[in-house]
């Protein structure tokens, strides 16, 4: 998702803030293309098929040297 936001920001800067030009390249069109690609990446990462959730818990057990830390990774499928 971070890459998509980055492309959106760079595209907006090229499309709306840069007034200089490069011969043979239209910066507003390049910015628009980058913004579309960034939006597509954001949407794709938001609705991707699988997500991970980390669960960390601490268990105190009598007779052991100290508390046990248990880390679980739960993978969830996105439901349409």
N, C-alpha and C. Protein backbone atom coordinates (compact mmCIF):
# COMPACT_ATOMS: atom_id res chain seq x y z
N UNK A 1 0.82 -1.19 0.00
CA UNK A 1 0.00 0.00 0.00
C UNK A 1 0.87 1.26 0.00
N UNK A 2 2.03 1.18 0.63
CA UNK A 2 2.92 2.34 0.69
C UNK A 2 3.41 2.76 -0.68
N UNK A 3 3.68 1.80 -1.55
CA UNK A 3 4.13 2.13 -2.90
C UNK A 3 3.04 2.83 -3.68
N UNK A 4 1.80 2.40 -3.50
CA UNK A 4 0.68 3.04 -4.19
C UNK A 4 0.51 4.49 -3.77
N UNK A 5 0.61 4.74 -2.48
CA UNK A 5 0.49 6.11 -1.97
C UNK A 5 1.64 6.96 -2.50
N UNK A 6 2.84 6.38 -2.53
CA UNK A 6 4.00 7.09 -3.07
C UNK A 6 3.78 7.49 -4.52
N UNK A 7 3.28 6.54 -5.33
CA UNK A 7 3.01 6.86 -6.74
C UNK A 7 1.93 7.93 -6.88
N UNK A 8 0.92 7.88 -6.02
CA UNK A 8 -0.11 8.92 -6.05
C UNK A 8 0.47 10.30 -5.77
N UNK A 9 1.33 10.38 -4.77
CA UNK A 9 1.92 11.67 -4.40
C UNK A 9 2.84 12.19 -5.50
N UNK A 10 3.72 11.34 -6.00
CA UNK A 10 4.64 11.77 -7.06
C UNK A 10 3.86 12.16 -8.32
N UNK A 11 2.83 11.39 -8.64
CA UNK A 11 2.01 11.72 -9.81
C UNK A 11 1.30 13.05 -9.65
N UNK A 12 0.78 13.32 -8.46
CA UNK A 12 0.10 14.60 -8.22
C UNK A 12 1.08 15.76 -8.30
N UNK A 13 2.29 15.57 -7.81
CA UNK A 13 3.30 16.64 -7.91
C UNK A 13 3.63 16.91 -9.37
N UNK A 14 3.83 15.84 -10.14
CA UNK A 14 4.14 16.04 -11.56
C UNK A 14 2.97 16.66 -12.32
N UNK A 15 1.77 16.25 -11.99
CA UNK A 15 0.60 16.72 -12.74
C UNK A 15 0.22 18.15 -12.39
N UNK A 16 0.36 18.53 -11.12
CA UNK A 16 -0.20 19.82 -10.70
C UNK A 16 0.84 20.85 -10.25
N UNK A 17 2.02 20.43 -9.80
CA UNK A 17 2.94 21.39 -9.19
C UNK A 17 4.13 21.74 -10.07
N UNK A 18 4.53 20.86 -10.95
CA UNK A 18 5.72 21.12 -11.77
C UNK A 18 5.31 21.90 -13.01
N UNK A 19 5.93 23.06 -13.19
CA UNK A 19 5.61 23.91 -14.34
C UNK A 19 6.67 23.82 -15.43
N UNK A 20 7.80 23.21 -15.13
CA UNK A 20 8.87 23.06 -16.10
C UNK A 20 8.55 21.88 -17.02
N UNK A 21 9.29 21.71 -18.07
CA UNK A 21 9.01 20.63 -19.00
C UNK A 21 10.26 19.91 -19.45
N UNK A 22 10.07 18.72 -19.94
CA UNK A 22 11.15 17.93 -20.53
C UNK A 22 10.75 17.71 -21.98
N UNK A 23 11.64 17.99 -22.93
CA UNK A 23 11.28 17.82 -24.34
C UNK A 23 10.87 16.37 -24.64
N UNK A 24 9.71 16.21 -25.24
CA UNK A 24 9.22 14.90 -25.63
C UNK A 24 8.42 14.18 -24.56
N UNK A 25 8.35 14.73 -23.34
CA UNK A 25 7.60 14.11 -22.25
C UNK A 25 6.61 15.11 -21.68
N UNK A 26 5.36 14.72 -21.62
CA UNK A 26 4.35 15.57 -21.02
C UNK A 26 4.24 15.21 -19.54
N UNK A 27 4.71 16.12 -18.68
CA UNK A 27 4.70 15.83 -17.24
C UNK A 27 3.28 15.69 -16.67
N UNK A 28 2.30 16.49 -17.10
CA UNK A 28 0.95 16.27 -16.57
C UNK A 28 0.39 14.88 -16.93
N UNK A 29 0.66 14.41 -18.15
CA UNK A 29 0.18 13.08 -18.54
C UNK A 29 0.93 12.00 -17.77
N UNK A 30 2.25 12.18 -17.60
CA UNK A 30 3.04 11.23 -16.81
C UNK A 30 2.53 11.19 -15.37
N UNK A 31 2.22 12.34 -14.81
CA UNK A 31 1.67 12.40 -13.45
C UNK A 31 0.33 11.70 -13.34
N UNK A 32 -0.50 11.88 -14.34
CA UNK A 32 -1.81 11.22 -14.34
C UNK A 32 -1.66 9.70 -14.42
N UNK A 33 -0.73 9.23 -15.24
CA UNK A 33 -0.48 7.79 -15.35
C UNK A 33 0.01 7.24 -14.01
N UNK A 34 0.92 7.96 -13.35
CA UNK A 34 1.41 7.51 -12.05
C UNK A 34 0.30 7.50 -10.99
N UNK A 35 -0.59 8.50 -11.04
CA UNK A 35 -1.70 8.53 -10.08
C UNK A 35 -2.66 7.36 -10.31
N UNK A 36 -2.92 7.02 -11.55
CA UNK A 36 -3.80 5.88 -11.85
C UNK A 36 -3.15 4.58 -11.37
N UNK A 37 -1.84 4.43 -11.63
CA UNK A 37 -1.13 3.22 -11.19
C UNK A 37 -1.11 3.14 -9.66
N UNK A 38 -0.90 4.27 -8.99
CA UNK A 38 -0.90 4.28 -7.54
C UNK A 38 -2.25 3.93 -6.96
N UNK A 39 -3.31 4.46 -7.55
CA UNK A 39 -4.66 4.14 -7.07
C UNK A 39 -4.96 2.67 -7.28
N UNK A 40 -4.52 2.11 -8.40
CA UNK A 40 -4.74 0.68 -8.65
C UNK A 40 -4.00 -0.17 -7.62
N UNK A 41 -2.78 0.22 -7.24
CA UNK A 41 -2.04 -0.52 -6.22
C UNK A 41 -2.71 -0.42 -4.85
N UNK A 42 -3.22 0.75 -4.51
CA UNK A 42 -3.90 0.91 -3.23
C UNK A 42 -5.15 0.04 -3.17
N UNK A 43 -5.93 0.05 -4.23
CA UNK A 43 -7.15 -0.77 -4.27
C UNK A 43 -6.80 -2.25 -4.24
N UNK A 44 -5.77 -2.64 -4.98
CA UNK A 44 -5.37 -4.05 -5.01
C UNK A 44 -4.91 -4.52 -3.63
N UNK A 45 -4.09 -3.71 -2.95
CA UNK A 45 -3.61 -4.12 -1.64
C UNK A 45 -4.73 -4.13 -0.61
N UNK A 46 -5.71 -3.26 -0.79
CA UNK A 46 -6.84 -3.21 0.15
C UNK A 46 -7.72 -4.45 0.02
N UNK A 47 -7.91 -4.92 -1.19
CA UNK A 47 -8.80 -6.05 -1.42
C UNK A 47 -8.05 -7.31 -1.85
N UNK A 48 -6.80 -7.43 -1.44
CA UNK A 48 -6.06 -8.64 -1.81
C UNK A 48 -6.65 -9.85 -1.08
N UNK A 49 -6.34 -11.02 -1.57
CA UNK A 49 -6.99 -12.23 -1.10
C UNK A 49 -6.63 -12.69 0.29
N UNK A 50 -5.45 -12.34 0.81
CA UNK A 50 -5.04 -12.89 2.09
C UNK A 50 -4.40 -11.82 2.95
N UNK A 51 -4.72 -11.85 4.23
CA UNK A 51 -4.14 -10.91 5.18
C UNK A 51 -3.58 -11.68 6.36
N UNK A 52 -2.57 -11.10 6.99
CA UNK A 52 -1.97 -11.72 8.16
C UNK A 52 -2.27 -10.89 9.40
N UNK A 53 -2.47 -11.61 10.50
CA UNK A 53 -2.67 -10.95 11.78
C UNK A 53 -1.78 -11.66 12.78
N UNK A 54 -0.97 -10.91 13.52
CA UNK A 54 -0.09 -11.49 14.53
C UNK A 54 -0.76 -11.39 15.90
N UNK A 55 -0.75 -12.49 16.61
CA UNK A 55 -1.30 -12.52 17.96
C UNK A 55 -0.17 -12.96 18.89
N UNK A 56 0.15 -12.12 19.85
CA UNK A 56 1.21 -12.44 20.81
C UNK A 56 0.56 -12.49 22.19
N UNK A 57 0.77 -13.61 22.88
CA UNK A 57 0.20 -13.72 24.22
C UNK A 57 1.25 -14.28 25.17
N UNK A 58 1.06 -13.98 26.43
CA UNK A 58 1.99 -14.39 27.48
C UNK A 58 1.27 -15.34 28.41
N UNK A 59 1.87 -16.49 28.64
CA UNK A 59 1.27 -17.47 29.53
C UNK A 59 2.19 -17.71 30.72
N UNK A 60 1.63 -17.59 31.90
CA UNK A 60 2.38 -17.91 33.11
C UNK A 60 2.06 -19.34 33.49
N UNK A 61 3.08 -20.17 33.55
CA UNK A 61 2.89 -21.58 33.90
C UNK A 61 3.63 -21.87 35.20
N UNK A 62 2.95 -22.47 36.17
CA UNK A 62 3.64 -22.80 37.42
C UNK A 62 4.68 -23.89 37.19
N UNK A 63 5.83 -23.74 37.84
CA UNK A 63 6.86 -24.76 37.75
C UNK A 63 7.88 -24.52 36.65
N UNK A 64 7.66 -23.57 35.78
CA UNK A 64 8.64 -23.27 34.74
C UNK A 64 9.50 -22.09 35.18
N UNK A 65 10.54 -21.82 34.42
CA UNK A 65 11.47 -20.76 34.78
C UNK A 65 10.86 -19.36 34.68
N UNK A 66 9.92 -19.20 33.84
CA UNK A 66 9.32 -17.89 33.67
C UNK A 66 8.15 -17.96 32.71
N UNK A 67 7.61 -16.81 32.36
CA UNK A 67 6.46 -16.82 31.45
C UNK A 67 6.86 -17.22 30.04
N UNK A 68 5.94 -17.86 29.35
CA UNK A 68 6.14 -18.23 27.96
C UNK A 68 5.46 -17.20 27.08
N UNK A 69 6.12 -16.81 26.02
CA UNK A 69 5.53 -15.90 25.04
C UNK A 69 5.21 -16.71 23.81
N UNK A 70 3.95 -16.68 23.42
CA UNK A 70 3.50 -17.45 22.26
C UNK A 70 3.07 -16.46 21.19
N UNK A 71 3.62 -16.65 20.00
CA UNK A 71 3.27 -15.79 18.87
C UNK A 71 2.60 -16.64 17.80
N UNK A 72 1.44 -16.21 17.37
CA UNK A 72 0.70 -16.91 16.32
C UNK A 72 0.52 -15.98 15.14
N UNK A 73 0.58 -16.55 13.96
CA UNK A 73 0.28 -15.80 12.74
C UNK A 73 -0.97 -16.42 12.14
N UNK A 74 -2.02 -15.62 12.07
CA UNK A 74 -3.29 -16.09 11.54
C UNK A 74 -3.48 -15.49 10.17
N UNK A 75 -3.71 -16.33 9.18
CA UNK A 75 -3.96 -15.86 7.81
C UNK A 75 -5.45 -15.91 7.55
N UNK A 76 -5.98 -14.78 7.11
CA UNK A 76 -7.42 -14.68 6.84
C UNK A 76 -7.63 -14.49 5.36
N UNK A 77 -8.61 -15.18 4.82
CA UNK A 77 -9.00 -15.01 3.42
C UNK A 77 -10.03 -13.91 3.34
N UNK A 78 -9.90 -13.07 2.34
CA UNK A 78 -10.88 -12.00 2.11
C UNK A 78 -12.15 -12.59 1.54
N UNK A 79 -13.27 -12.22 2.12
CA UNK A 79 -14.57 -12.70 1.61
C UNK A 79 -15.18 -11.64 0.71
N UNK A 80 -15.58 -12.04 -0.46
CA UNK A 80 -16.18 -11.09 -1.43
C UNK A 80 -17.59 -10.73 -1.04
